[in-house]
Amino acid sequence: MSAIFEAVIKSMPNGKWYIELRDKESDRSVECFSIDEFAKYLNDWGEEYSHDVNVVWSNEENVSQIQINEVRMEMMEYENRLNSGEI
């Protein structure tokens, strides 16, 4: 059975976004202020579950569509770098 991680997009008062990553199994969480940081924690924590994890995404009500799109775009950019061997 896969471990379940929650990724919640949140907004800071200055308008920047961050992602709170939660591991429901071990009851730990971390605030990630970049996609690279998010990916590092996802990878590190995922090792404990042989990378058999499902990430459930959500966002707080005060997060704008623009912020959600920024996260999506940065995730796509990260994936492209990963697939090209840059990472």
PDB file of N, CA and C in Angstrom:
ATOM      1  N   MET A   1       0.843  -1.185   0.000  1.00  0.00           N
ATOM      2  CA  MET A   1       0.000   0.000   0.000  1.00  0.00           C
ATOM      3  C   MET A   1       0.889   1.251   0.000  1.00  0.00           C
ATOM      4  N   SER A   2       0.529   2.199  -0.798  1.00  0.00           N
ATOM      5  CA  SER A   2       1.301   3.433  -0.933  1.00  0.00           C
ATOM      6  C   SER A   2       1.151   4.319   0.295  1.00  0.00           C
ATOM      7  N   ALA A   3       2.243   5.011   0.609  1.00  0.00           N
ATOM      8  CA  ALA A   3       2.179   6.045   1.632  1.00  0.00           C
ATOM      9  C   ALA A   3       1.490   7.259   1.016  1.00  0.00           C
ATOM     10  N   ILE A   4       0.823   8.034   1.840  1.00  0.00           N
ATOM     11  CA  ILE A   4       0.128   9.225   1.349  1.00  0.00           C
ATOM     12  C   ILE A   4       0.807  10.462   1.904  1.00  0.00           C
ATOM     13  N   PHE A   5       1.258  11.304   0.983  1.00  0.00           N
ATOM     14  CA  PHE A   5       1.805  12.602   1.336  1.00  0.00           C
ATOM     15  C   PHE A   5       0.790  13.652   0.896  1.00  0.00           C
ATOM     16  N   GLU A   6       0.631  14.679   1.707  1.00  0.00           N
ATOM     17  CA  GLU A   6      -0.222  15.808   1.334  1.00  0.00           C
ATOM     18  C   GLU A   6       0.675  16.987   0.984  1.00  0.00           C
ATOM     19  N   ALA A   7       0.359  17.645  -0.119  1.00  0.00           N
ATOM     20  CA  ALA A   7       1.066  18.851  -0.542  1.00  0.00           C
ATOM     21  C   ALA A   7       0.025  19.964  -0.617  1.00  0.00           C
ATOM     22  N   VAL A   8       0.177  20.954   0.257  1.00  0.00           N
ATOM     23  CA  VAL A   8      -0.789  22.051   0.329  1.00  0.00           C
ATOM     24  C   VAL A   8      -0.084  23.333  -0.090  1.00  0.00           C
ATOM     25  N   ILE A   9      -0.584  23.948  -1.148  1.00  0.00           N
ATOM     26  CA  ILE A   9      -0.044  25.229  -1.602  1.00  0.00           C
ATOM     27  C   ILE A   9      -0.615  26.306  -0.691  1.00  0.00           C
ATOM     28  N   LYS A  10       0.277  27.129  -0.146  1.00  0.00           N
ATOM     29  CA  LYS A  10      -0.131  28.198   0.767  1.00  0.00           C
ATOM     30  C   LYS A  10       0.453  29.518   0.288  1.00  0.00           C
ATOM     31  N   SER A  11      -0.095  30.594   0.804  1.00  0.00           N
ATOM     32  CA  SER A  11       0.337  31.929   0.403  1.00  0.00           C
ATOM     33  C   SER A  11       0.865  32.702   1.609  1.00  0.00           C
ATOM     34  N   MET A  12       2.002  33.381   1.398  1.00  0.00           N
ATOM     35  CA  MET A  12       2.560  34.235   2.445  1.00  0.00           C
ATOM     36  C   MET A  12       1.962  35.635   2.302  1.00  0.00           C
ATOM     37  N   PRO A  13       2.030  36.453   3.342  1.00  0.00           N
ATOM     38  CA  PRO A  13       1.494  37.818   3.261  1.00  0.00           C
ATOM     39  C   PRO A  13       2.103  38.651   2.127  1.00  0.00           C
ATOM     40  N   ASN A  14       3.336  38.342   1.721  1.00  0.00           N
ATOM     41  CA  ASN A  14       3.976  39.111   0.652  1.00  0.00           C
ATOM     42  C   ASN A  14       3.558  38.641  -0.745  1.00  0.00           C
ATOM     43  N   GLY A  15       2.648  37.657  -0.819  1.00  0.00           N
ATOM     44  CA  GLY A  15       2.141  37.197  -2.108  1.00  0.00           C
ATOM     45  C   GLY A  15       2.884  36.015  -2.691  1.00  0.00           C
ATOM     46  N   LYS A  16       3.969  35.614  -2.062  1.00  0.00           N
ATOM     47  CA  LYS A  16       4.708  34.448  -2.540  1.00  0.00           C
ATOM     48  C   LYS A  16       4.029  33.180  -2.040  1.00  0.00           C
ATOM     49  N   TRP A  17       4.221  32.104  -2.778  1.00  0.00           N
ATOM     50  CA  TRP A  17       3.652  30.820  -2.385  1.00  0.00           C
ATOM     51  C   TRP A  17       4.709  29.938  -1.748  1.00  0.00           C
ATOM     52  N   TYR A  18       4.250  28.943  -1.025  1.00  0.00           N
ATOM     53  CA  TYR A  18       5.099  27.863  -0.536  1.00  0.00           C
ATOM     54  C   TYR A  18       4.246  26.611  -0.450  1.00  0.00           C
ATOM     55  N   ILE A  19       4.894  25.477  -0.311  1.00  0.00           N
ATOM     56  CA  ILE A  19       4.176  24.202  -0.249  1.00  0.00           C
ATOM     57  C   ILE A  19       4.464  23.556   1.094  1.00  0.00           C
ATOM     58  N   GLU A  20       3.405  23.216   1.802  1.00  0.00           N
ATOM     59  CA  GLU A  20       3.557  22.438   3.025  1.00  0.00           C
ATOM     60  C   GLU A  20       3.414  20.970   2.648  1.00  0.00           C
ATOM     61  N   LEU A  21       4.472  20.205   2.864  1.00  0.00           N
ATOM     62  CA  LEU A  21       4.467  18.779   2.562  1.00  0.00           C
ATOM     63  C   LEU A  21       4.278  18.025   3.867  1.00  0.00           C
ATOM     64  N   ARG A  22       3.283  17.132   3.881  1.00  0.00           N
ATOM     65  CA  ARG A  22       2.988  16.347   5.081  1.00  0.00           C
ATOM     66  C   ARG A  22       3.050  14.867   4.765  1.00  0.00           C
ATOM     67  N   ASP A  23       3.711  14.139   5.636  1.00  0.00           N
ATOM     68  CA  ASP A  23       3.742  12.681   5.573  1.00  0.00           C
ATOM     69  C   ASP A  23       2.744  12.192   6.613  1.00  0.00           C
ATOM     70  N   LYS A  24       1.624  11.681   6.153  1.00  0.00           N
ATOM     71  CA  LYS A  24       0.555  11.275   7.066  1.00  0.00           C
ATOM     72  C   LYS A  24       0.938  10.057   7.902  1.00  0.00           C
ATOM     73  N   GLU A  25       1.813   9.220   7.379  1.00  0.00           N
ATOM     74  CA  GLU A  25       2.219   8.009   8.099  1.00  0.00           C
ATOM     75  C   GLU A  25       3.051   8.344   9.345  1.00  0.00           C
ATOM     76  N   SER A  26       4.020   9.236   9.177  1.00  0.00           N
ATOM     77  CA  SER A  26       4.928   9.540  10.284  1.00  0.00           C
ATOM     78  C   SER A  26       4.588  10.853  10.979  1.00  0.00           C
ATOM     79  N   ASP A  27       3.522  11.503  10.546  1.00  0.00           N
ATOM     80  CA  ASP A  27       3.054  12.742  11.168  1.00  0.00           C
ATOM     81  C   ASP A  27       4.139  13.815  11.213  1.00  0.00           C
ATOM     82  N   ARG A  28       4.817  14.013  10.080  1.00  0.00           N
ATOM     83  CA  ARG A  28       5.816  15.070   9.981  1.00  0.00           C
ATOM     84  C   ARG A  28       5.430  15.993   8.837  1.00  0.00           C
ATOM     85  N   SER A  29       5.923  17.224   8.914  1.00  0.00           N
ATOM     86  CA  SER A  29       5.640  18.184   7.848  1.00  0.00           C
ATOM     87  C   SER A  29       6.811  19.150   7.720  1.00  0.00           C
ATOM     88  N   VAL A  30       6.871  19.761   6.541  1.00  0.00           N
ATOM     89  CA  VAL A  30       7.924  20.731   6.263  1.00  0.00           C
ATOM     90  C   VAL A  30       7.359  21.776   5.306  1.00  0.00           C
ATOM     91  N   GLU A  31       7.832  23.004   5.429  1.00  0.00           N
ATOM     92  CA  GLU A  31       7.462  24.070   4.510  1.00  0.00           C
ATOM     93  C   GLU A  31       8.554  24.186   3.457  1.00  0.00           C
ATOM     94  N   CYS A  32       8.162  24.094   2.200  1.00  0.00           N
ATOM     95  CA  CYS A  32       9.099  24.155   1.075  1.00  0.00           C
ATOM     96  C   CYS A  32       8.862  25.453   0.308  1.00  0.00           C
ATOM     97  N   PHE A  33       9.922  26.219   0.129  1.00  0.00           N
ATOM     98  CA  PHE A  33       9.802  27.522  -0.512  1.00  0.00           C
ATOM     99  C   PHE A  33      10.274  27.516  -1.961  1.00  0.00           C
ATOM    100  N   SER A  34      10.555  26.319  -2.480  1.00  0.00           N
ATOM    101  CA  SER A  34      10.887  26.172  -3.898  1.00  0.00           C
ATOM    102  C   SER A  34      10.519  24.751  -4.325  1.00  0.00           C
ATOM    103  N   ILE A  35      10.406  24.556  -5.620  1.00  0.00           N
ATOM    104  CA  ILE A  35      10.112  23.225  -6.147  1.00  0.00           C
ATOM    105  C   ILE A  35      11.307  22.301  -5.915  1.00  0.00           C
ATOM    106  N   ASP A  36      12.523  22.827  -6.012  1.00  0.00           N
ATOM    107  CA  ASP A  36      13.705  22.009  -5.751  1.00  0.00           C
ATOM    108  C   ASP A  36      13.698  21.483  -4.317  1.00  0.00           C
ATOM    109  N   GLU A  37      13.348  22.344  -3.387  1.00  0.00           N
ATOM    110  CA  GLU A  37      13.284  21.935  -1.981  1.00  0.00           C
ATOM    111  C   GLU A  37      12.172  20.889  -1.785  1.00  0.00           C
ATOM    112  N   PHE A  38      11.025  21.117  -2.401  1.00  0.00           N
ATOM    113  CA  PHE A  38       9.907  20.173  -2.334  1.00  0.00           C
ATOM    114  C   PHE A  38      10.336  18.804  -2.876  1.00  0.00           C
ATOM    115  N   ALA A  39      11.001  18.803  -4.036  1.00  0.00           N
ATOM    116  CA  ALA A  39      11.431  17.555  -4.662  1.00  0.00           C
ATOM    117  C   ALA A  39      12.440  16.819  -3.787  1.00  0.00           C
ATOM    118  N   LYS A  40      13.327  17.557  -3.129  1.00  0.00           N
ATOM    119  CA  LYS A  40      14.322  16.936  -2.261  1.00  0.00           C
ATOM    120  C   LYS A  40      13.634  16.201  -1.112  1.00  0.00           C
ATOM    121  N   TYR A  41      12.698  16.867  -0.439  1.00  0.00           N
ATOM    122  CA  TYR A  41      11.993  16.225   0.672  1.00  0.00           C
ATOM    123  C   TYR A  41      11.148  15.053   0.180  1.00  0.00           C
ATOM    124  N   LEU A  42      10.492  15.223  -0.943  1.00  0.00           N
ATOM    125  CA  LEU A  42       9.679  14.150  -1.496  1.00  0.00           C
ATOM    126  C   LEU A  42      10.541  12.919  -1.771  1.00  0.00           C
ATOM    127  N   ASN A  43      11.713  13.139  -2.339  1.00  0.00           N
ATOM    128  CA  ASN A  43      12.626  12.041  -2.627  1.00  0.00           C
ATOM    129  C   ASN A  43      13.172  11.408  -1.340  1.00  0.00           C
ATOM    130  N   ASP A  44      13.642  12.254  -0.429  1.00  0.00           N
ATOM    131  CA  ASP A  44      14.222  11.750   0.821  1.00  0.00           C
ATOM    132  C   ASP A  44      13.199  10.969   1.637  1.00  0.00           C
ATOM    133  N   TRP A  45      12.027  11.540   1.828  1.00  0.00           N
ATOM    134  CA  TRP A  45      10.989  10.858   2.609  1.00  0.00           C
ATOM    135  C   TRP A  45      10.464   9.633   1.868  1.00  0.00           C
ATOM    136  N   GLY A  46      10.383   9.732   0.551  1.00  0.00           N
ATOM    137  CA  GLY A  46       9.879   8.629  -0.249  1.00  0.00           C
ATOM    138  C   GLY A  46      10.751   7.389  -0.175  1.00  0.00           C
ATOM    139  N   GLU A  47      12.054   7.590   0.064  1.00  0.00           N
ATOM    140  CA  GLU A  47      12.967   6.448   0.194  1.00  0.00           C
ATOM    141  C   GLU A  47      12.520   5.499   1.298  1.00  0.00           C
ATOM    142  N   GLU A  48      11.940   6.046   2.347  1.00  0.00           N
ATOM    143  CA  GLU A  48      11.488   5.227   3.475  1.00  0.00           C
ATOM    144  C   GLU A  48      10.340   4.298   3.085  1.00  0.00           C
ATOM    145  N   TYR A  49       9.678   4.606   1.982  1.00  0.00           N
ATOM    146  CA  TYR A  49       8.543   3.802   1.504  1.00  0.00           C
ATOM    147  C   TYR A  49       8.864   3.169   0.152  1.00  0.00           C
ATOM    148  N   SER A  50      10.141   3.028  -0.159  1.00  0.00           N
ATOM    149  CA  SER A  50      10.594   2.497  -1.452  1.00  0.00           C
ATOM    150  C   SER A  50       9.995   3.290  -2.612  1.00  0.00           C
ATOM    151  N   HIS A  51       9.810   4.571  -2.390  1.00  0.00           N
ATOM    152  CA  HIS A  51       9.252   5.526  -3.362  1.00  0.00           C
ATOM    153  C   HIS A  51       7.833   5.154  -3.802  1.00  0.00           C
ATOM    154  N   ASP A  52       7.135   4.373  -2.986  1.00  0.00           N
ATOM    155  CA  ASP A  52       5.738   4.021  -3.257  1.00  0.00           C
ATOM    156  C   ASP A  52       4.846   5.007  -2.511  1.00  0.00           C
ATOM    157  N   VAL A  53       4.717   6.217  -3.074  1.00  0.00           N
ATOM    158  CA  VAL A  53       3.949   7.287  -2.440  1.00  0.00           C
ATOM    159  C   VAL A  53       2.956   7.903  -3.415  1.00  0.00           C
ATOM    160  N   ASN A  54       1.868   8.334  -2.875  1.00  0.00           N
ATOM    161  CA  ASN A  54       0.886   9.128  -3.615  1.00  0.00           C
ATOM    162  C   ASN A  54       0.871  10.510  -2.986  1.00  0.00           C
ATOM    163  N   VAL A  55       0.935  11.539  -3.823  1.00  0.00           N
ATOM    164  CA  VAL A  55       0.878  12.918  -3.336  1.00  0.00           C
ATOM    165  C   VAL A  55      -0.503  13.461  -3.635  1.00  0.00           C
ATOM    166  N   VAL A  56      -1.185  13.898  -2.580  1.00  0.00           N
ATOM    167  CA  VAL A  56      -2.515  14.486  -2.699  1.00  0.00           C
ATOM    168  C   VAL A  56      -2.350  15.997  -2.594  1.00  0.00           C
ATOM    169  N   TRP A  57      -2.697  16.700  -3.678  1.00  0.00           N
ATOM    170  CA  TRP A  57      -2.529  18.151  -3.748  1.00  0.00           C
ATOM    171  C   TRP A  57      -3.793  18.879  -3.342  1.00  0.00           C
ATOM    172  N   SER A  58      -3.591  20.031  -2.686  1.00  0.00           N
ATOM    173  CA  SER A  58      -4.689  20.953  -2.400  1.00  0.00           C
ATOM    174  C   SER A  58      -4.085  22.340  -2.216  1.00  0.00           C
ATOM    175  N   ASN A  59      -4.928  23.311  -1.989  1.00  0.00           N
ATOM    176  CA  ASN A  59      -4.447  24.662  -1.718  1.00  0.00           C
ATOM    177  C   ASN A  59      -5.388  25.343  -0.742  1.00  0.00           C
ATOM    178  N   GLU A  60      -4.842  26.296  -0.007  1.00  0.00           N
ATOM    179  CA  GLU A  60      -5.659  27.082   0.895  1.00  0.00           C
ATOM    180  C   GLU A  60      -6.523  28.034   0.084  1.00  0.00           C
ATOM    181  N   GLU A  61      -7.593  28.490   0.692  1.00  0.00           N
ATOM    182  CA  GLU A  61      -8.554  29.357  -0.006  1.00  0.00           C
ATOM    183  C   GLU A  61      -7.946  30.666  -0.489  1.00  0.00           C
ATOM    184  N   ASN A  62      -6.957  31.192   0.228  1.00  0.00           N
ATOM    185  CA  ASN A  62      -6.392  32.495  -0.135  1.00  0.00           C
ATOM    186  C   ASN A  62      -5.328  32.408  -1.233  1.00  0.00           C
ATOM    187  N   VAL A  63      -5.075  31.220  -1.762  1.00  0.00           N
ATOM    188  CA  VAL A  63      -4.089  31.047  -2.837  1.00  0.00           C
ATOM    189  C   VAL A  63      -4.748  31.415  -4.167  1.00  0.00           C
ATOM    190  N   SER A  64      -4.100  32.281  -4.917  1.00  0.00           N
ATOM    191  CA  SER A  64      -4.676  32.732  -6.187  1.00  0.00           C
ATOM    192  C   SER A  64      -4.408  31.720  -7.302  1.00  0.00           C
ATOM    193  N   GLN A  65      -5.185  31.840  -8.359  1.00  0.00           N
ATOM    194  CA  GLN A  65      -4.982  30.989  -9.530  1.00  0.00           C
ATOM    195  C   GLN A  65      -3.610  31.236 -10.136  1.00  0.00           C
ATOM    196  N   ILE A  66      -3.141  32.457 -10.053  1.00  0.00           N
ATOM    197  CA  ILE A  66      -1.812  32.803 -10.554  1.00  0.00           C
ATOM    198  C   ILE A  66      -0.745  32.021  -9.793  1.00  0.00           C
ATOM    199  N   GLN A  67      -0.877  31.954  -8.475  1.00  0.00           N
ATOM    200  CA  GLN A  67       0.084  31.205  -7.665  1.00  0.00           C
ATOM    201  C   GLN A  67       0.037  29.710  -7.999  1.00  0.00           C
ATOM    202  N   ILE A  68      -1.149  29.174  -8.170  1.00  0.00           N
ATOM    203  CA  ILE A  68      -1.297  27.759  -8.540  1.00  0.00           C
ATOM    204  C   ILE A  68      -0.615  27.502  -9.878  1.00  0.00           C
ATOM    205  N   ASN A  69      -0.817  28.405 -10.829  1.00  0.00           N
ATOM    206  CA  ASN A  69      -0.176  28.255 -12.140  1.00  0.00           C
ATOM    207  C   ASN A  69       1.343  28.355 -12.040  1.00  0.00           C
ATOM    208  N   GLU A  70       1.840  29.230 -11.163  1.00  0.00           N
ATOM    209  CA  GLU A  70       3.290  29.338 -10.962  1.00  0.00           C
ATOM    210  C   GLU A  70       3.855  28.011 -10.463  1.00  0.00           C
ATOM    211  N   VAL A  71       3.171  27.388  -9.521  1.00  0.00           N
ATOM    212  CA  VAL A  71       3.619  26.097  -9.002  1.00  0.00           C
ATOM    213  C   VAL A  71       3.608  25.061 -10.119  1.00  0.00           C
ATOM    214  N   ARG A  72       2.540  25.024 -10.895  1.00  0.00           N
ATOM    215  CA  ARG A  72       2.456  24.073 -12.018  1.00  0.00           C
ATOM    216  C   ARG A  72       3.593  24.277 -13.009  1.00  0.00           C
ATOM    217  N   MET A  73       3.844  25.534 -13.368  1.00  0.00           N
ATOM    218  CA  MET A  73       4.901  25.830 -14.341  1.00  0.00           C
ATOM    219  C   MET A  73       6.273  25.425 -13.793  1.00  0.00           C
ATOM    220  N   GLU A  74       6.519  25.715 -12.528  1.00  0.00           N
ATOM    221  CA  GLU A  74       7.806  25.346 -11.949  1.00  0.00           C
ATOM    222  C   GLU A  74       7.941  23.837 -11.819  1.00  0.00           C
ATOM    223  N   MET A  75       6.835  23.137 -11.561  1.00  0.00           N
ATOM    224  CA  MET A  75       6.863  21.672 -11.521  1.00  0.00           C
ATOM    225  C   MET A  75       7.196  21.116 -12.906  1.00  0.00           C
ATOM    226  N   MET A  76       6.607  21.687 -13.948  1.00  0.00           N
ATOM    227  CA  MET A  76       6.893  21.237 -15.315  1.00  0.00           C
ATOM    228  C   MET A  76       8.352  21.504 -15.666  1.00  0.00           C
ATOM    229  N   GLU A  77       8.859  22.666 -15.287  1.00  0.00           N
ATOM    230  CA  GLU A  77      10.257  23.004 -15.548  1.00  0.00           C
ATOM    231  C   GLU A  77      11.184  22.024 -14.820  1.00  0.00           C
ATOM    232  N   TYR A  78      10.868  21.700 -13.582  1.00  0.00           N
ATOM    233  CA  TYR A  78      11.663  20.741 -12.821  1.00  0.00           C
ATOM    234  C   TYR A  78      11.643  19.376 -13.507  1.00  0.00           C
ATOM    235  N   GLU A  79      10.459  18.946 -13.927  1.00  0.00           N
ATOM    236  CA  GLU A  79      10.328  17.654 -14.614  1.00  0.00           C
ATOM    237  C   GLU A  79      11.146  17.625 -15.902  1.00  0.00           C
ATOM    238  N   ASN A  80      11.135  18.719 -16.658  1.00  0.00           N
ATOM    239  CA  ASN A  80      11.931  18.803 -17.884  1.00  0.00           C
ATOM    240  C   ASN A  80      13.423  18.694 -17.585  1.00  0.00           C
ATOM    241  N   ARG A  81      13.874  19.383 -16.527  1.00  0.00           N
ATOM    242  CA  ARG A  81      15.285  19.304 -16.127  1.00  0.00           C
ATOM    243  C   ARG A  81      15.628  17.887 -15.691  1.00  0.00           C
ATOM    244  N   LEU A  82      14.729  17.247 -14.988  1.00  0.00           N
ATOM    245  CA  LEU A  82      14.951  15.881 -14.523  1.00  0.00           C
ATOM    246  C   LEU A  82      15.044  14.923 -15.705  1.00  0.00           C
ATOM    247  N   ASN A  83      14.113  15.048 -16.660  1.00  0.00           N
ATOM    248  CA  ASN A  83      14.087  14.163 -17.819  1.00  0.00           C
ATOM    249  C   ASN A  83      15.281  14.374 -18.753  1.00  0.00           C
ATOM    250  N   SER A  84      15.814  15.575 -18.771  1.00  0.00           N
ATOM    251  CA  SER A  84      16.964  15.858 -19.643  1.00  0.00           C
ATOM    252  C   SER A  84      18.286  15.473 -18.990  1.00  0.00           C
ATOM    253  N   GLY A  85      18.236  15.028 -17.751  1.00  0.00           N
ATOM    254  CA  GLY A  85      19.450  14.632 -17.058  1.00  0.00           C
ATOM    255  C   GLY A  85      20.184  15.788 -16.401  1.00  0.00           C
ATOM    256  N   GLU A  86      19.578  16.964 -16.438  1.00  0.00           N
ATOM    257  CA  GLU A  86      20.188  18.145 -15.864  1.00  0.00           C
ATOM    258  C   GLU A  86      20.273  18.043 -14.333  1.00  0.00           C
ATOM    259  N   ILE A  87      19.356  17.279 -13.787  1.00  0.00           N
ATOM    260  CA  ILE A  87      19.314  17.111 -12.316  1.00  0.00           C
ATOM    261  C   ILE A  87      19.794  15.715 -11.972  1.00  0.00           C
TER     262      ILE A  87
END
